């Protein structure tokens, strides 16, 4: 195995971990954020305290696809659109971590080659 291939494989593992952790956090936070969103939608009452923190965490985890808008009423649970959007978001977060790793590795290797010349 070449060193370049080994470093790419080493970048896949953290990327997979980012995807799994993102998906798990989204599944843990989303039901409560769905209740907060529904309360705001029904009454116009802004979230405060812990509810505001949960809503903010959910908004952050819902990047780039705002999955909360694909959720159904809390009574019905999370809709299939939410599950699809969350899965795509988790994959994109993992790919972003891999791209950051690959880009930094490329920049470091470029600097090493330039300094050796």
Protein backbone atom coordinates (compact mmCIF):
# COMPACT_ATOMS: atom_id res chain seq x y z
CA UNK A 1 0.00 0.00 0.00
CA UNK A 2 1.39 3.38 -0.96
CA UNK A 3 1.74 6.12 1.65
CA UNK A 4 -0.70 8.30 -0.26
CA UNK A 5 -3.38 5.58 -0.20
CA UNK A 6 -2.74 4.91 3.48
CA UNK A 7 -3.28 8.56 4.35
CA UNK A 8 -6.55 8.60 2.39
CA UNK A 9 -7.76 5.53 4.26
CA UNK A 10 -6.74 7.24 7.51
CA UNK A 11 -8.97 10.17 6.51
CA UNK A 12 -11.99 7.95 5.90
CA UNK A 13 -12.28 6.73 9.48
CA UNK A 14 -12.69 10.18 11.10
CA UNK A 15 -15.11 11.12 8.32
CA UNK A 16 -17.26 8.09 9.05
CA UNK A 17 -17.13 8.94 12.74
CA UNK A 18 -18.29 12.51 12.01
CA UNK A 19 -21.20 11.15 9.97
CA UNK A 20 -22.27 8.67 12.64
CA UNK A 21 -22.00 11.20 15.49
CA UNK A 22 -23.90 13.81 13.47
CA UNK A 23 -26.70 11.36 12.69
CA UNK A 24 -26.95 10.18 16.31
CA UNK A 25 -27.04 13.75 17.67
CA UNK A 26 -29.68 14.71 15.11
CA UNK A 27 -31.86 11.76 16.12
CA UNK A 28 -31.49 12.67 19.81
CA UNK A 29 -32.17 16.40 19.39
CA UNK A 30 -34.81 16.39 16.65
CA UNK A 31 -37.89 15.15 18.57
CA UNK A 32 -37.57 17.86 21.19
CA UNK A 33 -36.73 20.50 18.58
CA UNK A 34 -39.83 19.40 16.70
CA UNK A 35 -41.96 20.11 19.81
CA UNK A 36 -40.30 23.52 20.21
CA UNK A 37 -40.88 24.34 16.54
CA UNK A 38 -44.52 23.23 16.73
CA UNK A 39 -45.13 25.33 19.86
CA UNK A 40 -43.68 28.35 18.05
CA UNK A 41 -45.72 27.60 14.90
CA UNK A 42 -49.00 27.22 16.84
CA UNK A 43 -48.66 30.09 19.31
CA UNK A 44 -45.97 32.41 17.96
CA UNK A 45 -44.18 32.07 21.32
CA UNK A 46 -40.40 32.23 20.95
CA UNK A 47 -38.34 29.52 22.62
CA UNK A 48 -36.45 30.49 25.77
CA UNK A 49 -33.89 28.81 28.00
CA UNK A 50 -33.16 25.17 27.28
CA UNK A 51 -35.71 25.10 24.46
CA UNK A 52 -33.84 27.88 22.67
CA UNK A 53 -30.57 25.95 23.05
CA UNK A 54 -32.18 22.78 21.66
CA UNK A 55 -33.60 24.75 18.71
CA UNK A 56 -30.20 26.35 18.02
CA UNK A 57 -28.39 22.99 18.15
CA UNK A 58 -30.98 21.51 15.81
CA UNK A 59 -30.60 24.43 13.38
CA UNK A 60 -26.83 23.88 13.38
CA UNK A 61 -27.16 20.12 12.85
CA UNK A 62 -29.71 20.71 10.08
CA UNK A 63 -27.18 22.35 7.81
CA UNK A 64 -27.16 22.36 4.76
CA UNK A 65 -30.71 20.96 4.42
CA UNK A 66 -33.09 22.42 7.06
CA UNK A 67 -34.59 19.11 8.15
CA UNK A 68 -36.96 20.67 10.71
CA UNK A 69 -39.14 21.92 7.85
CA UNK A 70 -39.52 18.33 6.67
CA UNK A 71 -40.72 17.06 10.04
CA UNK A 72 -44.38 16.30 10.65
CA UNK A 73 -46.48 17.30 13.64
CA UNK A 74 -44.85 15.87 16.81
CA UNK A 75 -47.85 13.60 17.36
CA UNK A 76 -46.99 11.70 14.18
CA UNK A 77 -43.27 11.34 14.83
CA UNK A 78 -40.55 12.21 12.39
CA UNK A 79 -41.55 12.03 8.73
CA UNK A 80 -39.67 10.08 6.08
CA UNK A 81 -38.52 13.37 4.50
CA UNK A 82 -36.81 14.27 7.76
CA UNK A 83 -34.98 10.93 7.85
CA UNK A 84 -33.80 11.36 4.26
CA UNK A 85 -32.66 14.95 4.84
CA UNK A 86 -30.84 13.97 8.05
CA UNK A 87 -29.09 11.08 6.32
CA UNK A 88 -27.98 13.35 3.47
CA UNK A 89 -26.82 15.99 5.98
CA UNK A 90 -24.79 13.39 7.89
CA UNK A 91 -23.15 12.16 4.70
CA UNK A 92 -22.35 15.75 3.67
CA UNK A 93 -20.83 16.50 7.09
CA UNK A 94 -18.64 13.39 6.76
CA UNK A 95 -17.61 14.34 3.23
CA UNK A 96 -16.77 17.84 4.42
CA UNK A 97 -14.52 16.40 7.12
CA UNK A 98 -12.80 14.21 4.51
CA UNK A 99 -12.34 17.12 2.10
CA UNK A 100 -10.83 19.25 4.87
CA UNK A 101 -8.46 16.40 5.73
CA UNK A 102 -7.49 15.82 2.09
CA UNK A 103 -7.05 19.52 1.41
CA UNK A 104 -4.84 20.04 4.45
CA UNK A 105 -2.79 16.97 3.54
CA UNK A 106 -2.39 18.26 -0.02
CA UNK A 107 -1.30 21.69 1.23
CA UNK A 108 1.18 20.20 3.68
CA UNK A 109 2.66 17.92 1.03
CA UNK A 110 2.91 20.83 -1.38
CA UNK A 111 4.81 22.86 1.23
CA UNK A 112 7.18 19.95 1.94
CA UNK A 113 7.93 19.51 -1.77
CA UNK A 114 8.45 23.26 -2.25
CA UNK A 115 10.79 23.54 0.73
CA UNK A 116 12.89 20.58 -0.41
CA UNK A 117 13.57 22.19 -3.81
